[in-house]
Amino acid sequence: KYCRNKIRLRVFPYVEKEINNRAAEHVAKAARKIA
């Protein structure tokens, strides 16, 4: 029921399995550049 839990439990596992297994790391790096 908490939005962030949905992202952690559903979105990232799918993305890391189907697209890139380092997705969370890459998003965090992109955030540092945007910052």
PDB file of all heavy atoms in Angstrom:
ATOM      1  N   LYS A   1       0.840  -1.203   0.000  1.00  0.00           N
ATOM      2  CA  LYS A   1       0.000   0.000   0.000  1.00  0.00           C
ATOM      3  C   LYS A   1       0.877   1.256   0.000  1.00  0.00           C
ATOM      4  O   LYS A   1       0.408   2.348  -0.313  1.00  0.00           O
ATOM      5  CB  LYS A   1      -0.947   0.003   1.194  1.00  0.00           C
ATOM      6  CG  LYS A   1      -0.323   0.364   2.530  1.00  0.00           C
ATOM      7  CD  LYS A   1      -1.377   0.447   3.633  1.00  0.00           C
ATOM      8  CE  LYS A   1      -0.765   0.863   4.959  1.00  0.00           C
ATOM      9  NZ  LYS A   1      -1.765   0.939   6.042  1.00  0.00           N
ATOM     10  N   TYR A   2       2.163   1.080   0.352  1.00  0.00           N
ATOM     11  CA  TYR A   2       3.113   2.192   0.318  1.00  0.00           C
ATOM     12  C   TYR A   2       3.788   2.237  -1.052  1.00  0.00           C
ATOM     13  O   TYR A   2       4.321   1.230  -1.530  1.00  0.00           O
ATOM     14  CB  TYR A   2       4.159   2.049   1.417  1.00  0.00           C
ATOM     15  CG  TYR A   2       3.572   2.047   2.814  1.00  0.00           C
ATOM     16  CD1 TYR A   2       3.600   0.898   3.601  1.00  0.00           C
ATOM     17  CD2 TYR A   2       2.979   3.189   3.331  1.00  0.00           C
ATOM     18  CE1 TYR A   2       3.056   0.891   4.888  1.00  0.00           C
ATOM     19  CE2 TYR A   2       2.431   3.190   4.609  1.00  0.00           C
ATOM     20  CZ  TYR A   2       2.472   2.044   5.373  1.00  0.00           C
ATOM     21  OH  TYR A   2       1.922   2.040   6.635  1.00  0.00           O
ATOM     22  N   CYS A   3       3.765   3.419  -1.681  1.00  0.00           N
ATOM     23  CA  CYS A   3       4.257   3.558  -3.060  1.00  0.00           C
ATOM     24  C   CYS A   3       5.708   3.110  -3.217  1.00  0.00           C
ATOM     25  O   CYS A   3       6.060   2.427  -4.177  1.00  0.00           O
ATOM     26  CB  CYS A   3       4.110   5.010  -3.513  1.00  0.00           C
ATOM     27  SG  CYS A   3       2.404   5.543  -3.696  1.00  0.00           S
ATOM     28  N   ARG A   4       6.560   3.517  -2.280  1.00  0.00           N
ATOM     29  CA  ARG A   4       7.975   3.181  -2.412  1.00  0.00           C
ATOM     30  C   ARG A   4       8.193   1.668  -2.329  1.00  0.00           C
ATOM     31  O   ARG A   4       9.103   1.140  -2.960  1.00  0.00           O
ATOM     32  CB  ARG A   4       8.800   3.900  -1.334  1.00  0.00           C
ATOM     33  CG  ARG A   4       8.848   5.404  -1.560  1.00  0.00           C
ATOM     34  CD  ARG A   4       9.523   6.110  -0.397  1.00  0.00           C
ATOM     35  NE  ARG A   4       9.399   7.541  -0.525  1.00  0.00           N
ATOM     36  CZ  ARG A   4      10.289   8.333  -1.122  1.00  0.00           C
ATOM     37  NH1 ARG A   4      11.365   7.812  -1.650  1.00  0.00           N
ATOM     38  NH2 ARG A   4      10.097   9.634  -1.194  1.00  0.00           N
ATOM     39  N   ASN A   5       7.376   0.993  -1.541  1.00  0.00           N
ATOM     40  CA  ASN A   5       7.484  -0.466  -1.468  1.00  0.00           C
ATOM     41  C   ASN A   5       7.168  -1.102  -2.818  1.00  0.00           C
ATOM     42  O   ASN A   5       7.794  -2.092  -3.218  1.00  0.00           O
ATOM     43  CB  ASN A   5       6.545  -1.020  -0.405  1.00  0.00           C
ATOM     44  CG  ASN A   5       7.042  -0.736   1.004  1.00  0.00           C
ATOM     45  OD1 ASN A   5       8.119  -0.176   1.190  1.00  0.00           O
ATOM     46  ND2 ASN A   5       6.249  -1.104   1.996  1.00  0.00           N
ATOM     47  N   LYS A   6       6.187  -0.570  -3.518  1.00  0.00           N
ATOM     48  CA  LYS A   6       5.853  -1.096  -4.848  1.00  0.00           C
ATOM     49  C   LYS A   6       7.040  -0.965  -5.797  1.00  0.00           C
ATOM     50  O   LYS A   6       7.338  -1.878  -6.574  1.00  0.00           O
ATOM     51  CB  LYS A   6       4.649  -0.360  -5.417  1.00  0.00           C
ATOM     52  CG  LYS A   6       3.348  -0.620  -4.687  1.00  0.00           C
ATOM     53  CD  LYS A   6       2.218   0.234  -5.256  1.00  0.00           C
ATOM     54  CE  LYS A   6       0.945   0.046  -4.464  1.00  0.00           C
ATOM     55  NZ  LYS A   6      -0.141   0.947  -4.919  1.00  0.00           N
ATOM     56  N   ILE A   7       7.714   0.185  -5.721  1.00  0.00           N
ATOM     57  CA  ILE A   7       8.883   0.391  -6.587  1.00  0.00           C
ATOM     58  C   ILE A   7       9.986  -0.598  -6.233  1.00  0.00           C
ATOM     59  O   ILE A   7      10.613  -1.197  -7.113  1.00  0.00           O
ATOM     60  CB  ILE A   7       9.386   1.851  -6.463  1.00  0.00           C
ATOM     61  CG1 ILE A   7       8.336   2.811  -7.043  1.00  0.00           C
ATOM     62  CG2 ILE A   7      10.729   2.027  -7.175  1.00  0.00           C
ATOM     63  CD1 ILE A   7       8.640   4.275  -6.793  1.00  0.00           C
ATOM     64  N   ARG A   8      10.214  -0.777  -4.920  1.00  0.00           N
ATOM     65  CA  ARG A   8      11.286  -1.680  -4.488  1.00  0.00           C
ATOM     66  C   ARG A   8      10.953  -3.144  -4.765  1.00  0.00           C
ATOM     67  O   ARG A   8      11.814  -3.903  -5.208  1.00  0.00           O
ATOM     68  CB  ARG A   8      11.553  -1.484  -2.988  1.00  0.00           C
ATOM     69  CG  ARG A   8      12.742  -2.309  -2.490  1.00  0.00           C
ATOM     70  CD  ARG A   8      13.041  -2.069  -1.033  1.00  0.00           C
ATOM     71  NE  ARG A   8      12.028  -2.636  -0.161  1.00  0.00           N
ATOM     72  CZ  ARG A   8      11.124  -1.933   0.494  1.00  0.00           C
ATOM     73  NH1 ARG A   8      11.076  -0.619   0.361  1.00  0.00           N
ATOM     74  NH2 ARG A   8      10.239  -2.519   1.282  1.00  0.00           N
ATOM     75  N   LEU A   9       9.705  -3.529  -4.528  1.00  0.00           N
ATOM     76  CA  LEU A   9       9.334  -4.945  -4.599  1.00  0.00           C
ATOM     77  C   LEU A   9       8.917  -5.403  -5.994  1.00  0.00           C
ATOM     78  O   LEU A   9       9.043  -6.586  -6.316  1.00  0.00           O
ATOM     79  CB  LEU A   9       8.190  -5.225  -3.616  1.00  0.00           C
ATOM     80  CG  LEU A   9       8.503  -4.964  -2.135  1.00  0.00           C
ATOM     81  CD1 LEU A   9       7.252  -5.107  -1.292  1.00  0.00           C
ATOM     82  CD2 LEU A   9       9.589  -5.908  -1.636  1.00  0.00           C
ATOM     83  N   ARG A  10       8.440  -4.465  -6.813  1.00  0.00           N
ATOM     84  CA  ARG A  10       7.960  -4.866  -8.130  1.00  0.00           C
ATOM     85  C   ARG A  10       8.781  -4.299  -9.281  1.00  0.00           C
ATOM     86  O   ARG A  10       9.211  -5.021 -10.172  1.00  0.00           O
ATOM     87  CB  ARG A  10       6.498  -4.426  -8.306  1.00  0.00           C
ATOM     88  CG  ARG A  10       5.510  -5.175  -7.428  1.00  0.00           C
ATOM     89  CD  ARG A  10       4.108  -4.877  -7.898  1.00  0.00           C
ATOM     90  NE  ARG A  10       3.095  -5.514  -7.077  1.00  0.00           N
ATOM     91  CZ  ARG A  10       1.814  -5.584  -7.407  1.00  0.00           C
ATOM     92  NH1 ARG A  10       1.401  -5.031  -8.539  1.00  0.00           N
ATOM     93  NH2 ARG A  10       0.952  -6.170  -6.617  1.00  0.00           N
ATOM     94  N   VAL A  11       8.979  -2.970  -9.244  1.00  0.00           N
ATOM     95  CA  VAL A  11       9.593  -2.316 -10.398  1.00  0.00           C
ATOM     96  C   VAL A  11      11.048  -2.726 -10.579  1.00  0.00           C
ATOM     97  O   VAL A  11      11.449  -3.204 -11.654  1.00  0.00           O
ATOM     98  CB  VAL A  11       9.469  -0.781 -10.286  1.00  0.00           C
ATOM     99  CG1 VAL A  11      10.192  -0.109 -11.448  1.00  0.00           C
ATOM    100  CG2 VAL A  11       8.006  -0.365 -10.261  1.00  0.00           C
ATOM    101  N   PHE A  12      11.866  -2.540  -9.534  1.00  0.00           N
ATOM    102  CA  PHE A  12      13.295  -2.826  -9.697  1.00  0.00           C
ATOM    103  C   PHE A  12      13.596  -4.305  -9.939  1.00  0.00           C
ATOM    104  O   PHE A  12      14.446  -4.620 -10.783  1.00  0.00           O
ATOM    105  CB  PHE A  12      14.098  -2.277  -8.515  1.00  0.00           C
ATOM    106  CG  PHE A  12      14.535  -0.855  -8.733  1.00  0.00           C
ATOM    107  CD1 PHE A  12      14.004   0.166  -7.981  1.00  0.00           C
ATOM    108  CD2 PHE A  12      15.451  -0.545  -9.723  1.00  0.00           C
ATOM    109  CE1 PHE A  12      14.379   1.480  -8.204  1.00  0.00           C
ATOM    110  CE2 PHE A  12      15.844   0.770  -9.951  1.00  0.00           C
ATOM    111  CZ  PHE A  12      15.296   1.787  -9.193  1.00  0.00           C
ATOM    112  N   PRO A  13      12.944  -5.246  -9.248  1.00  0.00           N
ATOM    113  CA  PRO A  13      13.207  -6.649  -9.584  1.00  0.00           C
ATOM    114  C   PRO A  13      12.920  -6.968 -11.053  1.00  0.00           C
ATOM    115  O   PRO A  13      13.691  -7.700 -11.700  1.00  0.00           O
ATOM    116  CB  PRO A  13      12.247  -7.410  -8.659  1.00  0.00           C
ATOM    117  CG  PRO A  13      12.103  -6.515  -7.481  1.00  0.00           C
ATOM    118  CD  PRO A  13      12.097  -5.124  -8.050  1.00  0.00           C
ATOM    119  N   TYR A  14      11.856  -6.412 -11.599  1.00  0.00           N
ATOM    120  CA  TYR A  14      11.531  -6.659 -13.008  1.00  0.00           C
ATOM    121  C   TYR A  14      12.591  -6.046 -13.926  1.00  0.00           C
ATOM    122  O   TYR A  14      13.096  -6.692 -14.840  1.00  0.00           O
ATOM    123  CB  TYR A  14      10.159  -6.081 -13.338  1.00  0.00           C
ATOM    124  CG  TYR A  14       9.802  -6.226 -14.807  1.00  0.00           C
ATOM    125  CD1 TYR A  14       9.257  -7.412 -15.292  1.00  0.00           C
ATOM    126  CD2 TYR A  14      10.045  -5.189 -15.703  1.00  0.00           C
ATOM    127  CE1 TYR A  14       8.960  -7.555 -16.636  1.00  0.00           C
ATOM    128  CE2 TYR A  14       9.753  -5.317 -17.045  1.00  0.00           C
ATOM    129  CZ  TYR A  14       9.208  -6.510 -17.516  1.00  0.00           C
ATOM    130  OH  TYR A  14       8.929  -6.655 -18.850  1.00  0.00           O
ATOM    131  N   VAL A  15      12.915  -4.777 -13.658  1.00  0.00           N
ATOM    132  CA  VAL A  15      13.885  -4.071 -14.507  1.00  0.00           C
ATOM    133  C   VAL A  15      15.246  -4.754 -14.451  1.00  0.00           C
ATOM    134  O   VAL A  15      15.913  -4.933 -15.487  1.00  0.00           O
ATOM    135  CB  VAL A  15      13.993  -2.597 -14.071  1.00  0.00           C
ATOM    136  CG1 VAL A  15      15.151  -1.905 -14.802  1.00  0.00           C
ATOM    137  CG2 VAL A  15      12.685  -1.864 -14.348  1.00  0.00           C
ATOM    138  N   GLU A  16      15.680  -5.145 -13.251  1.00  0.00           N
ATOM    139  CA  GLU A  16      16.998  -5.772 -13.122  1.00  0.00           C
ATOM    140  C   GLU A  16      17.039  -7.158 -13.768  1.00  0.00           C
ATOM    141  O   GLU A  16      18.087  -7.599 -14.236  1.00  0.00           O
ATOM    142  CB  GLU A  16      17.375  -5.844 -11.634  1.00  0.00           C
ATOM    143  CG  GLU A  16      17.701  -4.460 -11.065  1.00  0.00           C
ATOM    144  CD  GLU A  16      17.910  -4.456  -9.568  1.00  0.00           C
ATOM    145  OE1 GLU A  16      17.529  -5.454  -8.916  1.00  0.00           O
ATOM    146  OE2 GLU A  16      18.441  -3.452  -9.053  1.00  0.00           O
ATOM    147  N   LYS A  17      15.896  -7.822 -13.818  1.00  0.00           N
ATOM    148  CA  LYS A  17      15.842  -9.130 -14.459  1.00  0.00           C
ATOM    149  C   LYS A  17      15.728  -9.015 -15.973  1.00  0.00           C
ATOM    150  O   LYS A  17      16.412  -9.735 -16.714  1.00  0.00           O
ATOM    151  CB  LYS A  17      14.654  -9.923 -13.906  1.00  0.00           C
ATOM    152  CG  LYS A  17      14.511 -11.316 -14.536  1.00  0.00           C
ATOM    153  CD  LYS A  17      13.296 -12.044 -13.981  1.00  0.00           C
ATOM    154  CE  LYS A  17      13.127 -13.411 -14.666  1.00  0.00           C
ATOM    155  NZ  LYS A  17      11.911 -14.118 -14.185  1.00  0.00           N
ATOM    156  N   GLU A  18      14.903  -8.089 -16.445  1.00  0.00           N
ATOM    157  CA  GLU A  18      14.571  -8.028 -17.862  1.00  0.00           C
ATOM    158  C   GLU A  18      15.397  -7.029 -18.669  1.00  0.00           C
ATOM    159  O   GLU A  18      15.487  -7.138 -19.893  1.00  0.00           O
ATOM    160  CB  GLU A  18      13.080  -7.683 -18.025  1.00  0.00           C
ATOM    161  CG  GLU A  18      12.139  -8.686 -17.380  1.00  0.00           C
ATOM    162  CD  GLU A  18      12.158 -10.035 -18.078  1.00  0.00           C
ATOM    163  OE1 GLU A  18      12.528 -10.080 -19.275  1.00  0.00           O
ATOM    164  OE2 GLU A  18      11.807 -11.044 -17.433  1.00  0.00           O
ATOM    165  N   ILE A  19      15.976  -6.018 -17.986  1.00  0.00           N
ATOM    166  CA  ILE A  19      16.655  -4.947 -18.736  1.00  0.00           C
ATOM    167  C   ILE A  19      18.127  -4.815 -18.355  1.00  0.00           C
ATOM    168  O   ILE A  19      19.002  -4.934 -19.207  1.00  0.00           O
ATOM    169  CB  ILE A  19      15.930  -3.600 -18.533  1.00  0.00           C
ATOM    170  CG1 ILE A  19      14.483  -3.713 -19.028  1.00  0.00           C
ATOM    171  CG2 ILE A  19      16.655  -2.462 -19.263  1.00  0.00           C
ATOM    172  CD1 ILE A  19      13.635  -2.487 -18.792  1.00  0.00           C
ATOM    173  N   ASN A  20      18.419  -4.570 -17.081  1.00  0.00           N
ATOM    174  CA  ASN A  20      19.815  -4.372 -16.672  1.00  0.00           C
ATOM    175  C   ASN A  20      19.926  -4.710 -15.189  1.00  0.00           C
ATOM    176  O   ASN A  20      19.225  -4.120 -14.358  1.00  0.00           O
ATOM    177  CB  ASN A  20      20.243  -2.916 -16.918  1.00  0.00           C
ATOM    178  CG  ASN A  20      21.744  -2.720 -16.735  1.00  0.00           C
ATOM    179  OD1 ASN A  20      22.296  -3.066 -15.699  1.00  0.00           O
ATOM    180  ND2 ASN A  20      22.402  -2.143 -17.734  1.00  0.00           N
ATOM    181  N   ASN A  21      20.819  -5.641 -14.859  1.00  0.00           N
ATOM    182  CA  ASN A  21      20.907  -6.084 -13.469  1.00  0.00           C
ATOM    183  C   ASN A  21      21.584  -5.064 -12.552  1.00  0.00           C
ATOM    184  O   ASN A  21      21.681  -5.278 -11.345  1.00  0.00           O
ATOM    185  CB  ASN A  21      21.620  -7.438 -13.378  1.00  0.00           C
ATOM    186  CG  ASN A  21      23.054  -7.373 -13.882  1.00  0.00           C
ATOM    187  OD1 ASN A  21      23.538  -6.318 -14.275  1.00  0.00           O
ATOM    188  ND2 ASN A  21      23.723  -8.511 -13.890  1.00  0.00           N
ATOM    189  N   ARG A  22      22.060  -3.954 -13.126  1.00  0.00           N
ATOM    190  CA  ARG A  22      22.639  -2.877 -12.317  1.00  0.00           C
ATOM    191  C   ARG A  22      21.784  -1.609 -12.419  1.00  0.00           C
ATOM    192  O   ARG A  22      22.269  -0.495 -12.287  1.00  0.00           O
ATOM    193  CB  ARG A  22      24.071  -2.591 -12.766  1.00  0.00           C
ATOM    194  CG  ARG A  22      25.013  -3.781 -12.564  1.00  0.00           C
ATOM    195  CD  ARG A  22      26.363  -3.546 -13.211  1.00  0.00           C
ATOM    196  NE  ARG A  22      27.065  -2.422 -12.618  1.00  0.00           N
ATOM    197  CZ  ARG A  22      28.166  -1.868 -13.148  1.00  0.00           C
ATOM    198  NH1 ARG A  22      28.669  -2.348 -14.285  1.00  0.00           N
ATOM    199  NH2 ARG A  22      28.750  -0.853 -12.550  1.00  0.00           N
ATOM    200  N   ALA A  23      20.492  -1.802 -12.637  1.00  0.00           N
ATOM    201  CA  ALA A  23      19.603  -0.666 -12.877  1.00  0.00           C
ATOM    202  C   ALA A  23      19.612   0.325 -11.711  1.00  0.00           C
ATOM    203  O   ALA A  23      19.701   1.543 -11.912  1.00  0.00           O
ATOM    204  CB  ALA A  23      18.179  -1.160 -13.125  1.00  0.00           C
ATOM    205  N   ALA A  24      19.514  -0.164 -10.469  1.00  0.00           N
ATOM    206  CA  ALA A  24      19.481   0.734  -9.311  1.00  0.00           C
ATOM    207  C   ALA A  24      20.764   1.558  -9.218  1.00  0.00           C
ATOM    208  O   ALA A  24      20.725   2.764  -8.947  1.00  0.00           O
ATOM    209  CB  ALA A  24      19.273  -0.068  -8.025  1.00  0.00           C
ATOM    210  N   GLU A  25      21.890   0.908  -9.458  1.00  0.00           N
ATOM    211  CA  GLU A  25      23.174   1.614  -9.429  1.00  0.00           C
ATOM    212  C   GLU A  25      23.214   2.707 -10.482  1.00  0.00           C
ATOM    213  O   GLU A  25      23.667   3.833 -10.230  1.00  0.00           O
ATOM    214  CB  GLU A  25      24.312   0.606  -9.661  1.00  0.00           C
ATOM    215  CG  GLU A  25      25.692   1.241  -9.728  1.00  0.00           C
ATOM    216  CD  GLU A  25      26.761   0.245 -10.157  1.00  0.00           C
ATOM    217  OE1 GLU A  25      26.473  -0.977 -10.166  1.00  0.00           O
ATOM    218  OE2 GLU A  25      27.880   0.688 -10.479  1.00  0.00           O
ATOM    219  N   HIS A  26      22.724   2.395 -11.686  1.00  0.00           N
ATOM    220  CA  HIS A  26      22.768   3.376 -12.776  1.00  0.00           C
ATOM    221  C   HIS A  26      21.822   4.544 -12.525  1.00  0.00           C
ATOM    222  O   HIS A  26      22.155   5.698 -12.842  1.00  0.00           O
ATOM    223  CB  HIS A  26      22.434   2.691 -14.107  1.00  0.00           C
ATOM    224  CG  HIS A  26      23.493   1.725 -14.540  1.00  0.00           C
ATOM    225  ND1 HIS A  26      23.294   0.790 -15.521  1.00  0.00           N
ATOM    226  CD2 HIS A  26      24.774   1.556 -14.124  1.00  0.00           C
ATOM    227  CE1 HIS A  26      24.389   0.076 -15.697  1.00  0.00           C
ATOM    228  NE2 HIS A  26      25.300   0.523 -14.845  1.00  0.00           N
ATOM    229  N   VAL A  27      20.653   4.266 -11.967  1.00  0.00           N
ATOM    230  CA  VAL A  27      19.726   5.347 -11.638  1.00  0.00           C
ATOM    231  C   VAL A  27      20.350   6.264 -10.580  1.00  0.00           C
ATOM    232  O   VAL A  27      20.253   7.489 -10.668  1.00  0.00           O
ATOM    233  CB  VAL A  27      18.373   4.789 -11.143  1.00  0.00           C
ATOM    234  CG1 VAL A  27      17.491   5.913 -10.605  1.00  0.00           C
ATOM    235  CG2 VAL A  27      17.648   4.057 -12.265  1.00  0.00           C
ATOM    236  N   ALA A  28      21.004   5.690  -9.582  1.00  0.00           N
ATOM    237  CA  ALA A  28      21.652   6.484  -8.531  1.00  0.00           C
ATOM    238  C   ALA A  28      22.770   7.348  -9.110  1.00  0.00           C
ATOM    239  O   ALA A  28      22.943   8.511  -8.722  1.00  0.00           O
ATOM    240  CB  ALA A  28      22.193   5.572  -7.439  1.00  0.00           C
ATOM    241  N   LYS A  29      23.539   6.790 -10.048  1.00  0.00           N
ATOM    242  CA  LYS A  29      24.608   7.565 -10.697  1.00  0.00           C
ATOM    243  C   LYS A  29      24.023   8.713 -11.510  1.00  0.00           C
ATOM    244  O   LYS A  29      24.552   9.836 -11.504  1.00  0.00           O
ATOM    245  CB  LYS A  29      25.450   6.654 -11.595  1.00  0.00           C
ATOM    246  CG  LYS A  29      26.425   5.773 -10.840  1.00  0.00           C
ATOM    247  CD  LYS A  29      27.279   4.961 -11.807  1.00  0.00           C
ATOM    248  CE  LYS A  29      28.298   4.110 -11.038  1.00  0.00           C
ATOM    249  NZ  LYS A  29      29.122   3.283 -11.960  1.00  0.00           N
ATOM    250  N   ALA A  30      22.925   8.441 -12.213  1.00  0.00           N
ATOM    251  CA  ALA A  30      22.259   9.497 -12.981  1.00  0.00           C
ATOM    252  C   ALA A  30      21.788  10.610 -12.049  1.00  0.00           C
ATOM    253  O   ALA A  30      21.884  11.797 -12.376  1.00  0.00           O
ATOM    254  CB  ALA A  30      21.082   8.922 -13.763  1.00  0.00           C
ATOM    255  N   ALA A  31      21.299  10.221 -10.884  1.00  0.00           N
ATOM    256  CA  ALA A  31      20.836  11.211  -9.898  1.00  0.00           C
ATOM    257  C   ALA A  31      21.983  12.112  -9.459  1.00  0.00           C
ATOM    258  O   ALA A  31      21.802  13.328  -9.289  1.00  0.00           O
ATOM    259  CB  ALA A  31      20.214  10.513  -8.692  1.00  0.00           C
ATOM    260  N   ARG A  32      23.169  11.523  -9.260  1.00  0.00           N
ATOM    261  CA  ARG A  32      24.320  12.333  -8.842  1.00  0.00           C
ATOM    262  C   ARG A  32      24.675  13.352  -9.918  1.00  0.00           C
ATOM    263  O   ARG A  32      25.013  14.501  -9.622  1.00  0.00           O
ATOM    264  CB  ARG A  32      25.525  11.444  -8.540  1.00  0.00           C
ATOM    265  CG  ARG A  32      25.407  10.688  -7.230  1.00  0.00           C
ATOM    266  CD  ARG A  32      26.738  10.150  -6.758  1.00  0.00           C
ATOM    267  NE  ARG A  32      27.252   9.093  -7.612  1.00  0.00           N
ATOM    268  CZ  ARG A  32      26.942   7.811  -7.477  1.00  0.00           C
ATOM    269  NH1 ARG A  32      26.093   7.429  -6.529  1.00  0.00           N
ATOM    270  NH2 ARG A  32      27.461   6.910  -8.280  1.00  0.00           N
ATOM    271  N   LYS A  33      24.599  12.958 -11.177  1.00  0.00           N
ATOM    272  CA  LYS A  33      24.903  13.884 -12.282  1.00  0.00           C
ATOM    273  C   LYS A  33      23.855  14.988 -12.364  1.00  0.00           C
ATOM    274  O   LYS A  33      24.184  16.164 -12.558  1.00  0.00           O
ATOM    275  CB  LYS A  33      24.964  13.120 -13.608  1.00  0.00           C
ATOM    276  CG  LYS A  33      26.119  12.138 -13.704  1.00  0.00           C
ATOM    277  CD  LYS A  33      26.045  11.324 -14.985  1.00  0.00           C
ATOM    278  CE  LYS A  33      27.156  10.285 -15.036  1.00  0.00           C
ATOM    279  NZ  LYS A  33      27.054   9.423 -16.250  1.00  0.00           N
ATOM    280  N   ILE A  34      22.583  14.601 -12.205  1.00  0.00           N
ATOM    281  CA  ILE A  34      21.510  15.599 -12.222  1.00  0.00           C
ATOM    282  C   ILE A  34      21.688  16.566 -11.053  1.00  0.00           C
ATOM    283  O   ILE A  34      21.486  17.778 -11.198  1.00  0.00           O
ATOM    284  CB  ILE A  34      20.130  14.911 -12.153  1.00  0.00           C
ATOM    285  CG1 ILE A  34      19.877  14.095 -13.423  1.00  0.00           C
ATOM    286  CG2 ILE A  34      19.017  15.937 -11.960  1.00  0.00           C
ATOM    287  CD1 ILE A  34      18.649  13.200 -13.346  1.00  0.00           C
ATOM    288  N   ALA A  35      22.090  16.034  -9.896  1.00  0.00           N
ATOM    289  CA  ALA A  35      22.290  16.882  -8.713  1.00  0.00           C
ATOM    290  C   ALA A  35      23.369  17.928  -8.963  1.00  0.00           C
ATOM    291  O   ALA A  35      23.217  19.101  -8.590  1.00  0.00           O
ATOM    292  CB  ALA A  35      22.658  16.024  -7.509  1.00  0.00           C
TER     293      ALA A  35
END
